[in-house]
Structure formats: structure tokens, C-alpha cells
Amino acid sequence: MDSKELGWFIPNDKTTALLNLLRVKAREAERTAVRLLDDDLPANKVNELIGMLNQLNKYIAHLIFLSNVHVFRNVNDKIRTLLNV
């Protein structure tokens, strides 16, 4: 799938839904790591952690889009489908 076609999605099975949950948690961990930059920690190590978490998030997203999902180009298309309009 071309990255231009990626957008909002709805998982169509439990495995893909769990992958999405894992993606959300990885994203939360990345945000927490960014806040560590304000602490008295080696910035190069924190930046390395942020980079690894960002890459993990990208890998998980690729797995999701290769899995059983319904992809929408924008949020309005997703809402219309969810509301069965």
C-alpha cells in the first residue's frame, strides 16, 4: 500500500486491534521519553531512546496496515462508515 493511501483505519480483527493498542502505548512511551529531556539525564541517551521508540511506532504501524484493517482517506469517511451513513 502506498503511504499516500494511509490514513484513518478500523481494525477488523482482535490481533490488529491489539497491535493498535501496542502502537498507542509505544507512542505514549515516546512522549514520556521526550519529557525526560527536561530532567538531568544525558541528552544523547534520551534522544537515542526517543528515536528507538519512534522507529518502534513506525514498525507497528506498518504491521497494522499490512494486517486486516479498513483504511479511510480522512476522518469524515471513517465517521460516515461508523455511523452507517
C-alpha atoms as a PDB file:
ATOM      1  CA  MET A   1       0.000   0.000   0.000  1.00  0.00           C
ATOM      2  CA  ASP A   2       1.358   3.410  -0.968  1.00  0.00           C
ATOM      3  CA  SER A   3       1.959   5.657   2.056  1.00  0.00           C
ATOM      4  CA  LYS A   4      -0.211   8.336   0.376  1.00  0.00           C
ATOM      5  CA  GLU A   5      -3.169   5.984   0.805  1.00  0.00           C
ATOM      6  CA  LEU A   6      -2.649   5.537   4.532  1.00  0.00           C
ATOM      7  CA  GLY A   7      -4.919   7.386   6.887  1.00  0.00           C
ATOM      8  CA  TRP A   8      -7.550   6.531   9.433  1.00  0.00           C
ATOM      9  CA  PHE A   9      -8.299   2.865   9.915  1.00  0.00           C
ATOM     10  CA  ILE A  10     -10.558   0.430  11.730  1.00  0.00           C
ATOM     11  CA  PRO A  11      -9.067  -2.909  12.808  1.00  0.00           C
ATOM     12  CA  ASN A  12     -11.156  -5.816  11.540  1.00  0.00           C
ATOM     13  CA  ASP A  13      -9.886  -8.435  13.986  1.00  0.00           C
ATOM     14  CA  LYS A  14      -8.616  -8.807  17.544  1.00  0.00           C
ATOM     15  CA  THR A  15      -4.956  -9.187  16.553  1.00  0.00           C
ATOM     16  CA  THR A  16      -4.940  -5.935  14.595  1.00  0.00           C
ATOM     17  CA  ALA A  17      -6.792  -4.171  17.413  1.00  0.00           C
ATOM     18  CA  LEU A  18      -4.119  -5.371  19.856  1.00  0.00           C
ATOM     19  CA  LEU A  19      -1.387  -4.153  17.501  1.00  0.00           C
ATOM     20  CA  ASN A  20      -3.070  -0.763  17.529  1.00  0.00           C
ATOM     21  CA  LEU A  21      -3.134  -0.761  21.323  1.00  0.00           C
ATOM     22  CA  LEU A  22       0.575  -1.576  21.303  1.00  0.00           C
ATOM     23  CA  ARG A  23       1.147   1.330  18.880  1.00  0.00           C
ATOM     24  CA  VAL A  24      -0.714   3.699  21.209  1.00  0.00           C
ATOM     25  CA  LYS A  25       1.359   2.571  24.202  1.00  0.00           C
ATOM     26  CA  ALA A  26       4.606   2.949  22.226  1.00  0.00           C
ATOM     27  CA  ARG A  27       3.534   6.482  21.302  1.00  0.00           C
ATOM     28  CA  GLU A  28       2.786   7.263  24.963  1.00  0.00           C
ATOM     29  CA  ALA A  29       6.236   5.952  25.914  1.00  0.00           C
ATOM     30  CA  GLU A  30       7.783   8.195  23.260  1.00  0.00           C
ATOM     31  CA  ARG A  31       6.004  11.248  24.698  1.00  0.00           C
ATOM     32  CA  THR A  32       7.200  10.318  28.185  1.00  0.00           C
ATOM     33  CA  ALA A  33      10.756   9.981  26.892  1.00  0.00           C
ATOM     34  CA  VAL A  34      10.543  13.485  25.378  1.00  0.00           C
ATOM     35  CA  ARG A  35       9.659  14.836  28.830  1.00  0.00           C
ATOM     36  CA  LEU A  36      12.859  13.201  30.140  1.00  0.00           C
ATOM     37  CA  LEU A  37      14.808  15.815  28.196  1.00  0.00           C
ATOM     38  CA  ASP A  38      13.823  18.270  30.948  1.00  0.00           C
ATOM     39  CA  ASP A  39      15.477  16.048  33.585  1.00  0.00           C
ATOM     40  CA  ASP A  40      19.150  15.913  34.442  1.00  0.00           C
ATOM     41  CA  LEU A  41      19.869  12.932  32.170  1.00  0.00           C
ATOM     42  CA  PRO A  42      22.347  12.564  29.305  1.00  0.00           C
ATOM     43  CA  ALA A  43      20.534  14.156  26.345  1.00  0.00           C
ATOM     44  CA  ASN A  44      22.218  11.851  23.826  1.00  0.00           C
ATOM     45  CA  LYS A  45      20.865   8.770  25.626  1.00  0.00           C
ATOM     46  CA  VAL A  46      17.365  10.234  25.909  1.00  0.00           C
ATOM     47  CA  ASN A  47      17.419  11.185  22.229  1.00  0.00           C
ATOM     48  CA  GLU A  48      18.502   7.643  21.355  1.00  0.00           C
ATOM     49  CA  LEU A  49      15.574   6.270  23.369  1.00  0.00           C
ATOM     50  CA  ILE A  50      13.174   8.671  21.628  1.00  0.00           C
ATOM     51  CA  GLY A  51      14.496   7.575  18.238  1.00  0.00           C
ATOM     52  CA  MET A  52      14.090   3.886  19.073  1.00  0.00           C
ATOM     53  CA  LEU A  53      10.534   4.387  20.315  1.00  0.00           C
ATOM     54  CA  ASN A  54       9.672   6.404  17.221  1.00  0.00           C
ATOM     55  CA  GLN A  55      11.017   3.629  14.985  1.00  0.00           C
ATOM     56  CA  LEU A  56       9.088   1.024  17.001  1.00  0.00           C
ATOM     57  CA  ASN A  57       5.904   3.030  16.449  1.00  0.00           C
ATOM     58  CA  LYS A  58       6.567   3.083  12.690  1.00  0.00           C
ATOM     59  CA  TYR A  59       7.162  -0.691  12.586  1.00  0.00           C
ATOM     60  CA  ILE A  60       3.937  -1.355  14.472  1.00  0.00           C
ATOM     61  CA  ALA A  61       2.025   0.989  12.154  1.00  0.00           C
ATOM     62  CA  HIS A  62       3.365  -0.913   9.138  1.00  0.00           C
ATOM     63  CA  LEU A  63       2.242  -4.192  10.685  1.00  0.00           C
ATOM     64  CA  ILE A  64      -1.207  -2.720  11.250  1.00  0.00           C
ATOM     65  CA  PHE A  65      -1.603  -1.503   7.689  1.00  0.00           C
ATOM     66  CA  LEU A  66      -0.406  -4.890   6.401  1.00  0.00           C
ATOM     67  CA  SER A  67      -2.989  -6.614   8.583  1.00  0.00           C
ATOM     68  CA  ASN A  68      -6.747  -6.830   8.494  1.00  0.00           C
ATOM     69  CA  VAL A  69      -7.814  -3.167   8.513  1.00  0.00           C
ATOM     70  CA  HIS A  70     -10.245  -0.971   6.660  1.00  0.00           C
ATOM     71  CA  VAL A  71      -8.348   2.180   5.647  1.00  0.00           C
ATOM     72  CA  PHE A  72     -10.008   5.563   5.175  1.00  0.00           C
ATOM     73  CA  ARG A  73      -8.501   8.606   3.492  1.00  0.00           C
ATOM     74  CA  ASN A  74      -9.839  11.013   6.120  1.00  0.00           C
ATOM     75  CA  VAL A  75     -11.710  11.102   9.395  1.00  0.00           C
ATOM     76  CA  ASN A  76     -15.009  12.087   7.744  1.00  0.00           C
ATOM     77  CA  ASP A  77     -15.042   8.857   5.699  1.00  0.00           C
ATOM     78  CA  LYS A  78     -14.352   6.897   8.881  1.00  0.00           C
ATOM     79  CA  ILE A  79     -17.170   8.620  10.798  1.00  0.00           C
ATOM     80  CA  ARG A  80     -19.633   8.045   7.945  1.00  0.00           C
ATOM     81  CA  THR A  81     -18.789   4.333   7.961  1.00  0.00           C
ATOM     82  CA  LEU A  82     -19.079   4.074  11.732  1.00  0.00           C
ATOM     83  CA  LEU A  83     -22.464   5.785  11.624  1.00  0.00           C
ATOM     84  CA  ASN A  84     -23.545   3.683   8.618  1.00  0.00           C
ATOM     85  CA  VAL A  85     -24.413   6.831   6.668  1.00  0.00           C
END
